PDB file of N, CA and C in Angstrom:
ATOM      1  N   MET A   1       0.912  -1.480  -0.101  1.00  0.00           N
ATOM      2  CA  MET A   1       0.150  -0.074   0.106  1.00  0.00           C
ATOM      3  C   MET A   1       0.848   1.148  -0.143  1.00  0.00           C
ATOM      4  N   ILE A   2       0.615   2.250  -0.479  1.00  0.00           N
ATOM      5  CA  ILE A   2       1.166   3.611  -0.712  1.00  0.00           C
ATOM      6  C   ILE A   2       0.360   4.434  -0.082  1.00  0.00           C
ATOM      7  N   ILE A   3       0.988   5.034   0.686  1.00  0.00           N
ATOM      8  CA  ILE A   3      -0.093   6.247   1.617  1.00  0.00           C
ATOM      9  C   ILE A   3       0.835   7.671   1.088  1.00  0.00           C
ATOM     10  N   SER A   4      -0.028   8.400   0.649  1.00  0.00           N
ATOM     11  CA  SER A   4       0.485  10.057  -0.048  1.00  0.00           C
ATOM     12  C   SER A   4      -0.555  10.845   0.652  1.00  0.00           C
ATOM     13  N   LEU A   5      -0.179  11.601   1.458  1.00  0.00           N
ATOM     14  CA  LEU A   5      -1.030  12.406   2.248  1.00  0.00           C
ATOM     15  C   LEU A   5      -0.585  13.577   3.254  1.00  0.00           C
ATOM     16  N   GLY A   6      -0.795  14.215   3.566  1.00  0.00           N
ATOM     17  CA  GLY A   6      -0.205  15.619   4.296  1.00  0.00           C
ATOM     18  C   GLY A   6       0.421  16.756   3.881  1.00  0.00           C
ATOM     19  N   SER A   7       0.610  16.855   2.468  1.00  0.00           N
ATOM     20  CA  SER A   7       0.843  17.931   1.592  1.00  0.00           C
ATOM     21  C   SER A   7       0.097  19.202   1.495  1.00  0.00           C
ATOM     22  N   ASN A   8      -1.458  19.047   1.631  1.00  0.00           N
ATOM     23  CA  ASN A   8      -2.261  20.130   1.604  1.00  0.00           C
ATOM     24  C   ASN A   8      -2.730  20.124   2.947  1.00  0.00           C
ATOM     25  N   ASP A   9      -2.335  19.714   4.080  1.00  0.00           N
ATOM     26  CA  ASP A   9      -2.821  19.968   4.977  1.00  0.00           C
ATOM     27  C   ASP A   9      -2.534  21.306   5.736  1.00  0.00           C
ATOM     28  N   HIS A  10      -3.688  21.611   6.737  1.00  0.00           N
ATOM     29  CA  HIS A  10      -3.176  23.156   7.580  1.00  0.00           C
ATOM     30  C   HIS A  10      -3.131  23.155   8.937  1.00  0.00           C
ATOM     31  N   LYS A  11      -3.153  24.127   9.732  1.00  0.00           N
ATOM     32  CA  LYS A  11      -2.900  24.050  10.969  1.00  0.00           C
ATOM     33  C   LYS A  11      -4.205  23.377  11.840  1.00  0.00           C
ATOM     34  N   HIS A  12      -5.486  23.263  11.020  1.00  0.00           N
ATOM     35  CA  HIS A  12      -6.892  23.265  11.585  1.00  0.00           C
ATOM     36  C   HIS A  12      -7.053  21.717  11.296  1.00  0.00           C
ATOM     37  N   ILE A  13      -6.195  20.899  10.564  1.00  0.00           N
ATOM     38  CA  ILE A  13      -6.185  19.557  10.703  1.00  0.00           C
ATOM     39  C   ILE A  13      -5.726  18.818  11.372  1.00  0.00           C
ATOM     40  N   LYS A  14      -6.311  17.757  11.937  1.00  0.00           N
ATOM     41  CA  LYS A  14      -5.234  17.038  13.153  1.00  0.00           C
ATOM     42  C   LYS A  14      -4.508  15.786  12.381  1.00  0.00           C
ATOM     43  N   THR A  15      -3.304  16.180  11.365  1.00  0.00           N
ATOM     44  CA  THR A  15      -2.570  15.387  10.875  1.00  0.00           C
ATOM     45  C   THR A  15      -2.107  14.257  11.344  1.00  0.00           C
ATOM     46  N   GLN A  16      -1.416  14.191  12.848  1.00  0.00           N
ATOM     47  CA  GLN A  16      -0.565  13.297  13.386  1.00  0.00           C
ATOM     48  C   GLN A  16      -1.982  12.496  13.685  1.00  0.00           C
ATOM     49  N   VAL A  17      -3.203  12.711  14.253  1.00  0.00           N
ATOM     50  CA  VAL A  17      -4.101  11.642  15.012  1.00  0.00           C
ATOM     51  C   VAL A  17      -4.956  10.901  13.699  1.00  0.00           C
ATOM     52  N   GLU A  18      -4.974  11.562  12.557  1.00  0.00           N
ATOM     53  CA  GLU A  18      -5.643  11.405  11.625  1.00  0.00           C
ATOM     54  C   GLU A  18      -5.008  10.064  10.405  1.00  0.00           C
ATOM     55  N   LEU A  19      -3.679  10.493  10.410  1.00  0.00           N
ATOM     56  CA  LEU A  19      -2.675   9.436   9.767  1.00  0.00           C
ATOM     57  C   LEU A  19      -2.584   8.345  10.825  1.00  0.00           C
ATOM     58  N   GLU A  20      -2.754   8.146  12.345  1.00  0.00           N
ATOM     59  CA  GLU A  20      -2.467   7.034  12.749  1.00  0.00           C
ATOM     60  C   GLU A  20      -3.356   6.227  13.094  1.00  0.00           C
ATOM     61  N   LYS A  21      -4.378   7.240  12.867  1.00  0.00           N
ATOM     62  CA  LYS A  21      -6.300   6.332  12.822  1.00  0.00           C
ATOM     63  C   LYS A  21      -5.647   5.280  11.078  1.00  0.00           C
ATOM     64  N   LEU A  22      -5.521   6.262  10.099  1.00  0.00           N
ATOM     65  CA  LEU A  22      -5.434   5.670   8.885  1.00  0.00           C
ATOM     66  C   LEU A  22      -4.590   4.652   9.205  1.00  0.00           C
ATOM     67  N   ARG A  23      -3.445   4.352   9.612  1.00  0.00           N
ATOM     68  CA  ARG A  23      -2.577   3.499   9.566  1.00  0.00           C
ATOM     69  C   ARG A  23      -2.832   2.200  10.182  1.00  0.00           C
ATOM     70  N   GLU A  24      -3.558   2.704  11.486  1.00  0.00           N
ATOM     71  CA  GLU A  24      -4.170   1.374  12.431  1.00  0.00           C
ATOM     72  C   GLU A  24      -4.823   0.174  11.621  1.00  0.00           C
ATOM     73  N   LYS A  25      -5.502   0.957  10.375  1.00  0.00           N
ATOM     74  CA  LYS A  25      -6.621   0.533   9.896  1.00  0.00           C
ATOM     75  C   LYS A  25      -6.024  -0.804   8.495  1.00  0.00           C
ATOM     76  N   VAL A  26      -4.694  -0.071   8.406  1.00  0.00           N
ATOM     77  CA  VAL A  26      -3.930  -0.565   7.271  1.00  0.00           C
ATOM     78  C   VAL A  26      -3.823  -2.242   7.491  1.00  0.00           C
ATOM     79  N   LYS A  27      -4.191  -3.224   6.708  1.00  0.00           N
ATOM     80  CA  LYS A  27      -3.661  -4.553   6.865  1.00  0.00           C
ATOM     81  C   LYS A  27      -2.594  -5.149   6.070  1.00  0.00           C
ATOM     82  N   ALA A  28      -1.912  -4.087   4.853  1.00  0.00           N
ATOM     83  CA  ALA A  28      -1.297  -4.661   3.788  1.00  0.00           C
ATOM     84  C   ALA A  28       0.291  -5.399   4.463  1.00  0.00           C
ATOM     85  N   ASN A  29       0.848  -6.151   3.890  1.00  0.00           N
ATOM     86  CA  ASN A  29       2.338  -6.909   4.084  1.00  0.00           C
ATOM     87  C   ASN A  29       3.223  -5.826   4.000  1.00  0.00           C
ATOM     88  N   ARG A  30       3.160  -4.778   3.086  1.00  0.00           N
ATOM     89  CA  ARG A  30       4.416  -3.524   3.171  1.00  0.00           C
ATOM     90  C   ARG A  30       3.162  -2.245   2.809  1.00  0.00           C
ATOM     91  N   VAL A  31       3.812  -1.138   3.438  1.00  0.00           N
ATOM     92  CA  VAL A  31       3.360  -0.123   3.655  1.00  0.00           C
ATOM     93  C   VAL A  31       4.740   1.084   3.194  1.00  0.00           C
ATOM     94  N   TYR A  32       4.231   1.854   2.246  1.00  0.00           N
ATOM     95  CA  TYR A  32       5.080   2.756   1.610  1.00  0.00           C
ATOM     96  C   TYR A  32       4.512   4.190   1.946  1.00  0.00           C
ATOM     97  N   TRP A  33       5.237   5.151   2.286  1.00  0.00           N
ATOM     98  CA  TRP A  33       4.535   6.372   2.533  1.00  0.00           C
ATOM     99  C   TRP A  33       5.305   7.174   1.713  1.00  0.00           C
ATOM    100  N   VAL A  34       4.458   8.691   1.318  1.00  0.00           N
ATOM    101  CA  VAL A  34       5.377   9.028  -0.101  1.00  0.00           C
ATOM    102  C   VAL A  34       5.491  10.378   1.161  1.00  0.00           C
ATOM    103  N   LEU A  35       6.304  11.157   1.373  1.00  0.00           N
ATOM    104  CA  LEU A  35       7.187  11.947   2.082  1.00  0.00           C
ATOM    105  C   LEU A  35       6.990  13.429   1.359  1.00  0.00           C
ATOM    106  N   PRO A  36       5.670  14.432   1.650  1.00  0.00           N
ATOM    107  CA  PRO A  36       5.957  15.181   0.876  1.00  0.00           C
ATOM    108  C   PRO A  36       6.732  15.964   0.927  1.00  0.00           C
ATOM    109  N   ALA A  37       7.023  16.855  -0.311  1.00  0.00           N
ATOM    110  CA  ALA A  37       8.380  17.870  -0.544  1.00  0.00           C
ATOM    111  C   ALA A  37       7.616  19.277  -0.145  1.00  0.00           C
ATOM    112  N   GLY A  38       6.333  19.602  -0.305  1.00  0.00           N
ATOM    113  CA  GLY A  38       6.019  20.994   0.075  1.00  0.00           C
ATOM    114  C   GLY A  38       4.547  21.227   0.547  1.00  0.00           C
ATOM    115  N   ASN A  39       4.472  22.165   1.027  1.00  0.00           N
ATOM    116  CA  ASN A  39       2.661  22.259   1.348  1.00  0.00           C
ATOM    117  C   ASN A  39       2.191  23.646   1.189  1.00  0.00           C
ATOM    118  N   LEU A  40       0.974  23.928   1.212  1.00  0.00           N
ATOM    119  CA  LEU A  40       0.547  25.578   1.027  1.00  0.00           C
ATOM    120  C   LEU A  40       1.204  26.431   1.840  1.00  0.00           C
ATOM    121  N   PRO A  41       1.547  27.485   1.365  1.00  0.00           N
ATOM    122  CA  PRO A  41       2.149  28.212   2.658  1.00  0.00           C
ATOM    123  C   PRO A  41       0.959  28.920   3.563  1.00  0.00           C
ATOM    124  N   ALA A  42      -0.459  29.131   2.875  1.00  0.00           N
ATOM    125  CA  ALA A  42      -1.831  29.451   3.681  1.00  0.00           C
ATOM    126  C   ALA A  42      -1.718  28.829   4.454  1.00  0.00           C
ATOM    127  N   GLY A  43      -1.563  27.463   4.585  1.00  0.00           N
ATOM    128  CA  GLY A  43      -2.034  26.331   5.584  1.00  0.00           C
ATOM    129  C   GLY A  43      -1.575  26.579   6.571  1.00  0.00           C
ATOM    130  N   GLY A  44      -0.420  27.247   7.290  1.00  0.00           N
ATOM    131  CA  GLY A  44       0.468  27.584   8.459  1.00  0.00           C
ATOM    132  C   GLY A  44       0.686  26.016   9.426  1.00  0.00           C
ATOM    133  N   LEU A  45       1.002  25.410   8.591  1.00  0.00           N
ATOM    134  CA  LEU A  45       1.497  24.067   8.841  1.00  0.00           C
ATOM    135  C   LEU A  45       2.706  23.930   7.924  1.00  0.00           C
ATOM    136  N   SER A  46       4.043  23.755   9.134  1.00  0.00           N
ATOM    137  CA  SER A  46       5.221  23.624   8.327  1.00  0.00           C
ATOM    138  C   SER A  46       5.281  22.279   7.509  1.00  0.00           C
ATOM    139  N   ILE A  47       5.886  22.166   6.621  1.00  0.00           N
ATOM    140  CA  ILE A  47       6.268  20.626   5.964  1.00  0.00           C
ATOM    141  C   ILE A  47       6.980  19.996   6.601  1.00  0.00           C
ATOM    142  N   ILE A  48       8.193  20.639   7.347  1.00  0.00           N
ATOM    143  CA  ILE A  48       8.964  19.686   8.870  1.00  0.00           C
ATOM    144  C   ILE A  48       8.313  19.225   9.514  1.00  0.00           C
ATOM    145  N   GLU A  49       7.065  19.934   9.987  1.00  0.00           N
ATOM    146  CA  GLU A  49       6.207  18.997  10.902  1.00  0.00           C
ATOM    147  C   GLU A  49       5.511  17.499  10.366  1.00  0.00           C
ATOM    148  N   VAL A  50       5.148  17.884   9.341  1.00  0.00           N
ATOM    149  CA  VAL A  50       4.341  17.003   8.611  1.00  0.00           C
ATOM    150  C   VAL A  50       5.463  15.891   8.454  1.00  0.00           C
ATOM    151  N   GLN A  51       6.641  16.163   7.995  1.00  0.00           N
ATOM    152  CA  GLN A  51       7.552  14.943   7.278  1.00  0.00           C
ATOM    153  C   GLN A  51       7.583  14.259   8.758  1.00  0.00           C
ATOM    154  N   LEU A  52       7.915  14.896   9.970  1.00  0.00           N
ATOM    155  CA  LEU A  52       8.326  14.352  11.112  1.00  0.00           C
ATOM    156  C   LEU A  52       7.186  13.523  11.689  1.00  0.00           C
ATOM    157  N   ILE A  53       5.802  13.836  11.410  1.00  0.00           N
ATOM    158  CA  ILE A  53       4.912  12.951  11.802  1.00  0.00           C
ATOM    159  C   ILE A  53       4.547  11.708  11.151  1.00  0.00           C
ATOM    160  N   ILE A  54       4.725  11.713  10.000  1.00  0.00           N
ATOM    161  CA  ILE A  54       4.813  10.591   8.784  1.00  0.00           C
ATOM    162  C   ILE A  54       5.890   9.835   8.924  1.00  0.00           C
ATOM    163  N   LYS A  55       7.268  10.611   9.410  1.00  0.00           N
ATOM    164  CA  LYS A  55       8.602   9.413   9.699  1.00  0.00           C
ATOM    165  C   LYS A  55       8.308   9.141  11.277  1.00  0.00           C
ATOM    166  N   MET A  56       7.610   9.541  11.660  1.00  0.00           N
ATOM    167  CA  MET A  56       7.605   8.843  13.001  1.00  0.00           C
ATOM    168  C   MET A  56       6.322   7.630  12.883  1.00  0.00           C
ATOM    169  N   ILE A  57       5.273   8.043  12.235  1.00  0.00           N
ATOM    170  CA  ILE A  57       4.419   6.814  12.134  1.00  0.00           C
ATOM    171  C   ILE A  57       5.105   5.963  11.324  1.00  0.00           C
ATOM    172  N   ALA A  58       5.479   6.000  10.147  1.00  0.00           N
ATOM    173  CA  ALA A  58       6.182   5.060   9.708  1.00  0.00           C
ATOM    174  C   ALA A  58       7.258   3.901  10.530  1.00  0.00           C
ATOM    175  N   ALA A  59       8.087   4.536  11.242  1.00  0.00           N
ATOM    176  CA  ALA A  59       8.835   4.124  12.057  1.00  0.00           C
ATOM    177  C   ALA A  59       8.149   2.938  13.304  1.00  0.00           C
ATOM    178  N   VAL A  60       7.200   3.275  13.554  1.00  0.00           N
ATOM    179  CA  VAL A  60       6.273   2.579  14.472  1.00  0.00           C
ATOM    180  C   VAL A  60       6.189   1.366  14.037  1.00  0.00           C
ATOM    181  N   TYR A  61       5.598   1.502  12.320  1.00  0.00           N
ATOM    182  CA  TYR A  61       5.535   0.041  11.977  1.00  0.00           C
ATOM    183  C   TYR A  61       6.255  -0.700  10.990  1.00  0.00           C
ATOM    184  N   GLY A  62       7.548   0.021  10.966  1.00  0.00           N
ATOM    185  CA  GLY A  62       8.574  -0.177  10.489  1.00  0.00           C
ATOM    186  C   GLY A  62       8.216  -0.389   8.416  1.00  0.00           C
ATOM    187  N   ASP A  63       7.412   1.008   8.250  1.00  0.00           N
ATOM    188  CA  ASP A  63       6.980   1.271   7.038  1.00  0.00           C
ATOM    189  C   ASP A  63       8.212   1.775   6.049  1.00  0.00           C
ATOM    190  N   GLN A  64       8.268   2.183   4.907  1.00  0.00           N
ATOM    191  CA  GLN A  64       9.265   2.603   4.582  1.00  0.00           C
ATOM    192  C   GLN A  64       8.636   3.821   3.939  1.00  0.00           C
ATOM    193  N   ILE A  65       9.701   4.873   3.798  1.00  0.00           N
ATOM    194  CA  ILE A  65       9.793   6.236   3.437  1.00  0.00           C
ATOM    195  C   ILE A  65       9.897   6.584   2.014  1.00  0.00           C
ATOM    196  N   ILE A  66       9.574   7.327   1.039  1.00  0.00           N
ATOM    197  CA  ILE A  66       9.725   7.396  -0.629  1.00  0.00           C
ATOM    198  C   ILE A  66       9.830   8.978  -0.352  1.00  0.00           C
ATOM    199  N   PRO A  67      11.048   9.422  -0.397  1.00  0.00           N
ATOM    200  CA  PRO A  67      10.892  11.200  -0.715  1.00  0.00           C
ATOM    201  C   PRO A  67      11.042  11.406  -2.041  1.00  0.00           C
ATOM    202  N   ILE A  68      10.332  12.561  -2.418  1.00  0.00           N
ATOM    203  CA  ILE A  68      10.088  12.857  -3.901  1.00  0.00           C
ATOM    204  C   ILE A  68      10.923  13.779  -4.112  1.00  0.00           C
ATOM    205  N   GLN A  69      11.782  13.632  -5.118  1.00  0.00           N
ATOM    206  CA  GLN A  69      12.353  15.057  -5.811  1.00  0.00           C
ATOM    207  C   GLN A  69      11.775  15.725  -6.793  1.00  0.00           C
ATOM    208  N   GLY A  70      11.205  15.254  -7.710  1.00  0.00           N
ATOM    209  CA  GLY A  70      10.223  15.543  -8.956  1.00  0.00           C
ATOM    210  C   GLY A  70       8.895  15.833  -8.250  1.00  0.00           C
ATOM    211  N   LEU A  71       9.099  17.137  -8.754  1.00  0.00           N
ATOM    212  CA  LEU A  71       7.488  17.801  -8.234  1.00  0.00           C
ATOM    213  C   LEU A  71       6.869  18.713  -9.682  1.00  0.00           C
ATOM    214  N   GLN A  72       5.610  19.151  -9.502  1.00  0.00           N
ATOM    215  CA  GLN A  72       5.320  19.930 -10.554  1.00  0.00           C
ATOM    216  C   GLN A  72       5.677  21.338 -10.141  1.00  0.00           C
ATOM    217  N   LYS A  73       5.313  22.403 -11.066  1.00  0.00           N
ATOM    218  CA  LYS A  73       5.732  23.594 -10.631  1.00  0.00           C
ATOM    219  C   LYS A  73       5.078  24.078  -9.607  1.00  0.00           C
ATOM    220  N   ASP A  74       3.620  23.374  -9.069  1.00  0.00           N
ATOM    221  CA  ASP A  74       3.154  23.930  -7.575  1.00  0.00           C
ATOM    222  C   ASP A  74       4.023  23.684  -6.407  1.00  0.00           C
ATOM    223  N   GLY A  75       4.873  23.011  -6.401  1.00  0.00           N
ATOM    224  CA  GLY A  75       6.164  22.187  -5.572  1.00  0.00           C
ATOM    225  C   GLY A  75       5.043  21.619  -4.529  1.00  0.00           C
ATOM    226  N   ILE A  76       4.046  20.819  -4.930  1.00  0.00           N
ATOM    227  CA  ILE A  76       3.462  19.845  -4.185  1.00  0.00           C
ATOM    228  C   ILE A  76       3.214  18.862  -4.923  1.00  0.00           C
ATOM    229  N   HIS A  77       2.615  18.962  -5.769  1.00  0.00           N
ATOM    230  CA  HIS A  77       2.193  17.226  -6.228  1.00  0.00           C
ATOM    231  C   HIS A  77       3.319  16.692  -7.156  1.00  0.00           C
ATOM    232  N   PRO A  78       3.606  15.419  -6.869  1.00  0.00           N
ATOM    233  CA  PRO A  78       4.522  14.805  -8.137  1.00  0.00           C
ATOM    234  C   PRO A  78       4.772  15.218  -9.222  1.00  0.00           C
ATOM    235  N   SER A  79       5.749  15.241 -10.257  1.00  0.00           N
ATOM    236  CA  SER A  79       5.578  15.533 -11.665  1.00  0.00           C
ATOM    237  C   SER A  79       5.966  13.902 -12.303  1.00  0.00           C
ATOM    238  N   TRP A  80       5.520  13.855 -13.210  1.00  0.00           N
ATOM    239  CA  TRP A  80       5.691  12.245 -13.986  1.00  0.00           C
ATOM    240  C   TRP A  80       7.341  12.005 -13.620  1.00  0.00           C
ATOM    241  N   GLU A  81       8.216  12.747 -13.680  1.00  0.00           N
ATOM    242  CA  GLU A  81       9.465  12.131 -12.995  1.00  0.00           C
ATOM    243  C   GLU A  81       9.263  11.600 -11.157  1.00  0.00           C
ATOM    244  N   GLY A  82       8.767  12.339 -10.586  1.00  0.00           N
ATOM    245  CA  GLY A  82       8.350  12.146  -9.341  1.00  0.00           C
ATOM    246  C   GLY A  82       7.485  10.751  -9.130  1.00  0.00           C
ATOM    247  N   TYR A  83       6.373  10.550 -10.143  1.00  0.00           N
ATOM    248  CA  TYR A  83       5.539   9.276 -10.040  1.00  0.00           C
ATOM    249  C   TYR A  83       6.485   8.136 -10.406  1.00  0.00           C
ATOM    250  N   LYS A  84       7.416   8.446 -11.163  1.00  0.00           N
ATOM    251  CA  LYS A  84       8.619   7.062 -11.532  1.00  0.00           C
ATOM    252  C   LYS A  84       9.104   6.897 -10.615  1.00  0.00           C
ATOM    253  N   GLN A  85       9.814   7.863  -9.578  1.00  0.00           N
ATOM    254  CA  GLN A  85      10.657   7.594  -8.652  1.00  0.00           C
ATOM    255  C   GLN A  85       9.850   6.703  -7.397  1.00  0.00           C
ATOM    256  N   ILE A  86       8.435   7.253  -7.505  1.00  0.00           N
ATOM    257  CA  ILE A  86       7.681   6.128  -6.802  1.00  0.00           C
ATOM    258  C   ILE A  86       7.488   4.846  -6.958  1.00  0.00           C
ATOM    259  N   ALA A  87       7.535   4.709  -8.359  1.00  0.00           N
ATOM    260  CA  ALA A  87       7.157   3.449  -9.037  1.00  0.00           C
ATOM    261  C   ALA A  87       8.198   2.464  -9.069  1.00  0.00           C
ATOM    262  N   LYS A  88       9.628   3.130  -8.902  1.00  0.00           N
ATOM    263  CA  LYS A  88      10.897   2.378  -8.781  1.00  0.00           C
ATOM    264  C   LYS A  88      11.246   1.867  -7.184  1.00  0.00           C
ATOM    265  N   ALA A  89      10.697   3.158  -6.321  1.00  0.00           N
ATOM    266  CA  ALA A  89      11.170   2.718  -4.813  1.00  0.00           C
ATOM    267  C   ALA A  89      10.578   1.509  -4.646  1.00  0.00           C
ATOM    268  N   ILE A  90       8.996   1.077  -5.302  1.00  0.00           N
ATOM    269  CA  ILE A  90       8.228   0.233  -4.468  1.00  0.00           C
ATOM    270  C   ILE A  90       8.454  -1.105  -5.554  1.00  0.00           C
ATOM    271  N   LYS A  91       9.327  -1.051  -6.071  1.00  0.00           N
ATOM    272  CA  LYS A  91       9.740  -2.475  -7.196  1.00  0.00           C
ATOM    273  C   LYS A  91      10.649  -3.576  -6.266  1.00  0.00           C
TER     274      LYS A  91
END
């Protein structure tokens, strides 16, 4: 399973609580987290905070983190190159 969440979060979303609830329900043998590279400045939540939350949850379960370098011009969503990176990481 690939989980790609947190890029568009803002300070009014309980990112950690919601991601923990989600992960508790996952029954897949292997779980990959796409590490967001950017978020909306208007959201008021630091991307560093979101990345730390994801890394912490992944560590608890022994999940793999996939950092993305290839982004679209918005600086948030993966570009085609970014999607290729994800595919390569899970092979």
